[in-house]
Amino acid sequence: MCEADQRAVEPARAQAVGMIEERRGPFTTEADRQAWRPDPDRPAPYLPTDVLTFGLDRAL
């Protein structure tokens, strides 16, 4: 992973680890998990348009 990618991923990683450590969001107890809903203002995740072809033009 290049340095720019690492910088882009680090905030999301830190957020996920924080949610796990604090048992919030989708990492809550079973009873709380059933009531959990994602933040409606958060943009939907998406894959890059070249996800299925990225790197195929490189020699192995």
PDB file of N, CA and C in Angstrom:
ATOM      1  N   MET A   1       0.855  -1.161   0.000  1.00  0.00           N
ATOM      2  CA  MET A   1       0.000   0.000   0.000  1.00  0.00           C
ATOM      3  C   MET A   1       0.906   1.230   0.000  1.00  0.00           C
ATOM      4  N   CYS A   2       0.648   2.151  -0.886  1.00  0.00           N
ATOM      5  CA  CYS A   2       1.483   3.349  -0.958  1.00  0.00           C
ATOM      6  C   CYS A   2       1.123   4.295   0.202  1.00  0.00           C
ATOM      7  N   GLU A   3       1.973   5.264   0.430  1.00  0.00           N
ATOM      8  CA  GLU A   3       1.790   6.191   1.543  1.00  0.00           C
ATOM      9  C   GLU A   3       0.489   6.979   1.432  1.00  0.00           C
ATOM     10  N   ALA A   4       0.117   7.397   0.229  1.00  0.00           N
ATOM     11  CA  ALA A   4      -1.135   8.140   0.044  1.00  0.00           C
ATOM     12  C   ALA A   4      -2.343   7.275   0.400  1.00  0.00           C
ATOM     13  N   ASP A   5      -2.313   6.002  -0.005  1.00  0.00           N
ATOM     14  CA  ASP A   5      -3.396   5.088   0.344  1.00  0.00           C
ATOM     15  C   ASP A   5      -3.457   4.890   1.860  1.00  0.00           C
ATOM     16  N   GLN A   6      -2.304   4.747   2.475  1.00  0.00           N
ATOM     17  CA  GLN A   6      -2.241   4.567   3.931  1.00  0.00           C
ATOM     18  C   GLN A   6      -2.864   5.759   4.649  1.00  0.00           C
ATOM     19  N   ARG A   7      -2.546   6.965   4.190  1.00  0.00           N
ATOM     20  CA  ARG A   7      -3.120   8.172   4.807  1.00  0.00           C
ATOM     21  C   ARG A   7      -4.636   8.211   4.623  1.00  0.00           C
ATOM     22  N   ALA A   8      -5.127   7.728   3.497  1.00  0.00           N
ATOM     23  CA  ALA A   8      -6.563   7.724   3.230  1.00  0.00           C
ATOM     24  C   ALA A   8      -7.287   6.681   4.078  1.00  0.00           C
ATOM     25  N   VAL A   9      -6.655   5.549   4.343  1.00  0.00           N
ATOM     26  CA  VAL A   9      -7.282   4.457   5.080  1.00  0.00           C
ATOM     27  C   VAL A   9      -7.201   4.657   6.590  1.00  0.00           C
ATOM     28  N   GLU A  10      -6.172   5.305   7.072  1.00  0.00           N
ATOM     29  CA  GLU A  10      -5.931   5.408   8.516  1.00  0.00           C
ATOM     30  C   GLU A  10      -7.107   5.988   9.303  1.00  0.00           C
ATOM     31  N   PRO A  11      -7.762   7.072   8.872  1.00  0.00           N
ATOM     32  CA  PRO A  11      -8.898   7.587   9.653  1.00  0.00           C
ATOM     33  C   PRO A  11     -10.047   6.574   9.779  1.00  0.00           C
ATOM     34  N   ALA A  12     -10.342   5.853   8.720  1.00  0.00           N
ATOM     35  CA  ALA A  12     -11.409   4.846   8.771  1.00  0.00           C
ATOM     36  C   ALA A  12     -11.006   3.692   9.690  1.00  0.00           C
ATOM     37  N   ARG A  13      -9.746   3.306   9.632  1.00  0.00           N
ATOM     38  CA  ARG A  13      -9.251   2.242  10.508  1.00  0.00           C
ATOM     39  C   ARG A  13      -9.370   2.664  11.959  1.00  0.00           C
ATOM     40  N   ALA A  14      -8.951   3.875  12.267  1.00  0.00           N
ATOM     41  CA  ALA A  14      -9.032   4.378  13.639  1.00  0.00           C
ATOM     42  C   ALA A  14     -10.482   4.430  14.116  1.00  0.00           C
ATOM     43  N   GLN A  15     -11.381   4.839  13.244  1.00  0.00           N
ATOM     44  CA  GLN A  15     -12.797   4.889  13.605  1.00  0.00           C
ATOM     45  C   GLN A  15     -13.319   3.480  13.892  1.00  0.00           C
ATOM     46  N   ALA A  16     -12.979   2.523  13.042  1.00  0.00           N
ATOM     47  CA  ALA A  16     -13.443   1.143  13.244  1.00  0.00           C
ATOM     48  C   ALA A  16     -12.889   0.552  14.534  1.00  0.00           C
ATOM     49  N   VAL A  17     -11.616   0.755  14.795  1.00  0.00           N
ATOM     50  CA  VAL A  17     -11.014   0.235  16.021  1.00  0.00           C
ATOM     51  C   VAL A  17     -11.677   0.877  17.239  1.00  0.00           C
ATOM     52  N   GLY A  18     -11.935   2.178  17.183  1.00  0.00           N
ATOM     53  CA  GLY A  18     -12.622   2.857  18.284  1.00  0.00           C
ATOM     54  C   GLY A  18     -14.006   2.283  18.527  1.00  0.00           C
ATOM     55  N   MET A  19     -14.732   1.987  17.464  1.00  0.00           N
ATOM     56  CA  MET A  19     -16.066   1.409  17.603  1.00  0.00           C
ATOM     57  C   MET A  19     -15.989   0.017  18.228  1.00  0.00           C
ATOM     58  N   ILE A  20     -14.988  -0.756  17.867  1.00  0.00           N
ATOM     59  CA  ILE A  20     -14.821  -2.093  18.438  1.00  0.00           C
ATOM     60  C   ILE A  20     -14.485  -1.975  19.922  1.00  0.00           C
ATOM     61  N   GLU A  21     -13.519  -1.125  20.250  1.00  0.00           N
ATOM     62  CA  GLU A  21     -13.100  -0.975  21.644  1.00  0.00           C
ATOM     63  C   GLU A  21     -14.223  -0.457  22.538  1.00  0.00           C
ATOM     64  N   GLU A  22     -15.047   0.432  22.010  1.00  0.00           N
ATOM     65  CA  GLU A  22     -16.136   1.016  22.791  1.00  0.00           C
ATOM     66  C   GLU A  22     -17.449   0.247  22.646  1.00  0.00           C
ATOM     67  N   ARG A  23     -17.421  -0.824  21.861  1.00  0.00           N
ATOM     68  CA  ARG A  23     -18.609  -1.655  21.615  1.00  0.00           C
ATOM     69  C   ARG A  23     -19.808  -0.806  21.194  1.00  0.00           C
ATOM     70  N   ARG A  24     -19.592  -0.009  20.139  1.00  0.00           N
ATOM     71  CA  ARG A  24     -20.694   0.789  19.615  1.00  0.00           C
ATOM     72  C   ARG A  24     -20.856   0.509  18.128  1.00  0.00           C
ATOM     73  N   GLY A  25     -21.926   1.053  17.542  1.00  0.00           N
ATOM     74  CA  GLY A  25     -22.206   0.785  16.137  1.00  0.00           C
ATOM     75  C   GLY A  25     -22.533  -0.685  15.949  1.00  0.00           C
ATOM     76  N   PRO A  26     -22.050  -1.301  14.902  1.00  0.00           N
ATOM     77  CA  PRO A  26     -22.366  -2.708  14.659  1.00  0.00           C
ATOM     78  C   PRO A  26     -21.643  -3.665  15.606  1.00  0.00           C
ATOM     79  N   PHE A  27     -20.806  -3.144  16.497  1.00  0.00           N
ATOM     80  CA  PHE A  27     -20.035  -3.978  17.420  1.00  0.00           C
ATOM     81  C   PHE A  27     -20.610  -3.957  18.829  1.00  0.00           C
ATOM     82  N   THR A  28     -21.873  -3.615  18.959  1.00  0.00           N
ATOM     83  CA  THR A  28     -22.533  -3.567  20.258  1.00  0.00           C
ATOM     84  C   THR A  28     -22.911  -4.970  20.720  1.00  0.00           C
ATOM     85  N   THR A  29     -23.508  -5.036  21.891  1.00  0.00           N
ATOM     86  CA  THR A  29     -23.994  -6.325  22.383  1.00  0.00           C
ATOM     87  C   THR A  29     -25.135  -6.796  21.493  1.00  0.00           C
ATOM     88  N   GLU A  30     -25.496  -8.033  21.583  1.00  0.00           N
ATOM     89  CA  GLU A  30     -26.539  -8.601  20.729  1.00  0.00           C
ATOM     90  C   GLU A  30     -27.843  -7.818  20.833  1.00  0.00           C
ATOM     91  N   ALA A  31     -28.248  -7.458  22.048  1.00  0.00           N
ATOM     92  CA  ALA A  31     -29.509  -6.728  22.218  1.00  0.00           C
ATOM     93  C   ALA A  31     -29.450  -5.364  21.529  1.00  0.00           C
ATOM     94  N   ASP A  32     -28.321  -4.669  21.665  1.00  0.00           N
ATOM     95  CA  ASP A  32     -28.193  -3.346  21.055  1.00  0.00           C
ATOM     96  C   ASP A  32     -28.016  -3.431  19.540  1.00  0.00           C
ATOM     97  N   ARG A  33     -27.422  -4.509  19.069  1.00  0.00           N
ATOM     98  CA  ARG A  33     -27.148  -4.643  17.638  1.00  0.00           C
ATOM     99  C   ARG A  33     -28.433  -4.654  16.813  1.00  0.00           C
ATOM    100  N   GLN A  34     -29.482  -5.238  17.354  1.00  0.00           N
ATOM    101  CA  GLN A  34     -30.733  -5.301  16.619  1.00  0.00           C
ATOM    102  C   GLN A  34     -31.335  -3.917  16.402  1.00  0.00           C
ATOM    103  N   ALA A  35     -31.060  -2.972  17.295  1.00  0.00           N
ATOM    104  CA  ALA A  35     -31.613  -1.625  17.183  1.00  0.00           C
ATOM    105  C   ALA A  35     -30.691  -0.674  16.422  1.00  0.00           C
ATOM    106  N   TRP A  36     -29.424  -1.084  16.183  1.00  0.00           N
ATOM    107  CA  TRP A  36     -28.454  -0.186  15.552  1.00  0.00           C
ATOM    108  C   TRP A  36     -28.819   0.071  14.091  1.00  0.00           C
ATOM    109  N   ARG A  37     -28.668   1.321  13.683  1.00  0.00           N
ATOM    110  CA  ARG A  37     -28.851   1.722  12.286  1.00  0.00           C
ATOM    111  C   ARG A  37     -27.680   2.619  11.895  1.00  0.00           C
ATOM    112  N   PRO A  38     -27.203   2.524  10.660  1.00  0.00           N
ATOM    113  CA  PRO A  38     -26.099   3.389  10.236  1.00  0.00           C
ATOM    114  C   PRO A  38     -26.542   4.849  10.174  1.00  0.00           C
ATOM    115  N   ASP A  39     -25.574   5.739  10.267  1.00  0.00           N
ATOM    116  CA  ASP A  39     -25.836   7.173  10.171  1.00  0.00           C
ATOM    117  C   ASP A  39     -26.414   7.462   8.789  1.00  0.00           C
ATOM    118  N   PRO A  40     -27.616   8.014   8.706  1.00  0.00           N
ATOM    119  CA  PRO A  40     -28.232   8.254   7.398  1.00  0.00           C
ATOM    120  C   PRO A  40     -27.493   9.306   6.562  1.00  0.00           C
ATOM    121  N   ASP A  41     -26.671  10.129   7.201  1.00  0.00           N
ATOM    122  CA  ASP A  41     -25.934  11.164   6.466  1.00  0.00           C
ATOM    123  C   ASP A  41     -24.603  10.662   5.917  1.00  0.00           C
ATOM    124  N   ARG A  42     -24.213   9.472   6.309  1.00  0.00           N
ATOM    125  CA  ARG A  42     -22.936   8.922   5.833  1.00  0.00           C
ATOM    126  C   ARG A  42     -23.108   8.451   4.387  1.00  0.00           C
ATOM    127  N   PRO A  43     -22.192   8.808   3.505  1.00  0.00           N
ATOM    128  CA  PRO A  43     -22.325   8.371   2.115  1.00  0.00           C
ATOM    129  C   PRO A  43     -22.179   6.852   2.001  1.00  0.00           C
ATOM    130  N   ALA A  44     -22.865   6.294   1.042  1.00  0.00           N
ATOM    131  CA  ALA A  44     -22.788   4.854   0.818  1.00  0.00           C
ATOM    132  C   ALA A  44     -21.396   4.481   0.319  1.00  0.00           C
ATOM    133  N   PRO A  45     -20.868   3.336   0.747  1.00  0.00           N
ATOM    134  CA  PRO A  45     -19.565   2.905   0.245  1.00  0.00           C
ATOM    135  C   PRO A  45     -19.669   2.528  -1.226  1.00  0.00           C
ATOM    136  N   TYR A  46     -18.551   2.623  -1.916  1.00  0.00           N
ATOM    137  CA  TYR A  46     -18.535   2.251  -3.327  1.00  0.00           C
ATOM    138  C   TYR A  46     -17.154   1.728  -3.699  1.00  0.00           C
ATOM    139  N   LEU A  47     -17.111   0.954  -4.735  1.00  0.00           N
ATOM    140  CA  LEU A  47     -15.852   0.441  -5.252  1.00  0.00           C
ATOM    141  C   LEU A  47     -15.423   1.289  -6.443  1.00  0.00           C
ATOM    142  N   PRO A  48     -14.124   1.447  -6.643  1.00  0.00           N
ATOM    143  CA  PRO A  48     -13.659   2.179  -7.824  1.00  0.00           C
ATOM    144  C   PRO A  48     -14.149   1.508  -9.105  1.00  0.00           C
ATOM    145  N   THR A  49     -14.291   2.289 -10.158  1.00  0.00           N
ATOM    146  CA  THR A  49     -14.808   1.743 -11.417  1.00  0.00           C
ATOM    147  C   THR A  49     -13.888   0.691 -12.025  1.00  0.00           C
ATOM    148  N   ASP A  50     -12.590   0.756 -11.724  1.00  0.00           N
ATOM    149  CA  ASP A  50     -11.650  -0.208 -12.301  1.00  0.00           C
ATOM    150  C   ASP A  50     -11.349  -1.384 -11.361  1.00  0.00           C
ATOM    151  N   VAL A  51     -12.202  -1.624 -10.389  1.00  0.00           N
ATOM    152  CA  VAL A  51     -11.927  -2.643  -9.381  1.00  0.00           C
ATOM    153  C   VAL A  51     -11.723  -4.040  -9.984  1.00  0.00           C
ATOM    154  N   LEU A  52     -12.404  -4.362 -11.042  1.00  0.00           N
ATOM    155  CA  LEU A  52     -12.280  -5.698 -11.630  1.00  0.00           C
ATOM    156  C   LEU A  52     -11.140  -5.828 -12.630  1.00  0.00           C
ATOM    157  N   THR A  53     -10.570  -4.717 -13.050  1.00  0.00           N
ATOM    158  CA  THR A  53      -9.512  -4.774 -14.056  1.00  0.00           C
ATOM    159  C   THR A  53      -8.190  -4.185 -13.571  1.00  0.00           C
ATOM    160  N   PHE A  54      -8.150  -3.578 -12.415  1.00  0.00           N
ATOM    161  CA  PHE A  54      -6.939  -2.925 -11.917  1.00  0.00           C
ATOM    162  C   PHE A  54      -5.800  -3.932 -11.829  1.00  0.00           C
ATOM    163  N   GLY A  55      -4.709  -3.609 -12.432  1.00  0.00           N
ATOM    164  CA  GLY A  55      -3.522  -4.427 -12.384  1.00  0.00           C
ATOM    165  C   GLY A  55      -3.446  -5.538 -13.408  1.00  0.00           C
ATOM    166  N   LEU A  56      -4.477  -5.738 -14.205  1.00  0.00           N
ATOM    167  CA  LEU A  56      -4.450  -6.815 -15.180  1.00  0.00           C
ATOM    168  C   LEU A  56      -3.502  -6.551 -16.337  1.00  0.00           C
ATOM    169  N   ASP A  57      -3.157  -5.293 -16.545  1.00  0.00           N
ATOM    170  CA  ASP A  57      -2.268  -4.965 -17.647  1.00  0.00           C
ATOM    171  C   ASP A  57      -0.794  -5.063 -17.239  1.00  0.00           C
ATOM    172  N   ARG A  58      -0.526  -5.440 -16.003  1.00  0.00           N
ATOM    173  CA  ARG A  58       0.859  -5.567 -15.527  1.00  0.00           C
ATOM    174  C   ARG A  58       1.348  -7.003 -15.714  1.00  0.00           C
ATOM    175  N   ALA A  59       2.628  -7.125 -15.977  1.00  0.00           N
ATOM    176  CA  ALA A  59       3.231  -8.462 -16.106  1.00  0.00           C
ATOM    177  C   ALA A  59       3.339  -9.098 -14.731  1.00  0.00           C
ATOM    178  N   LEU A  60       3.103 -10.375 -14.653  1.00  0.00           N
ATOM    179  CA  LEU A  60       3.181 -11.093 -13.376  1.00  0.00           C
ATOM    180  C   LEU A  60       4.591 -11.422 -13.022  1.00  0.00           C
TER     181      LEU A  60
END
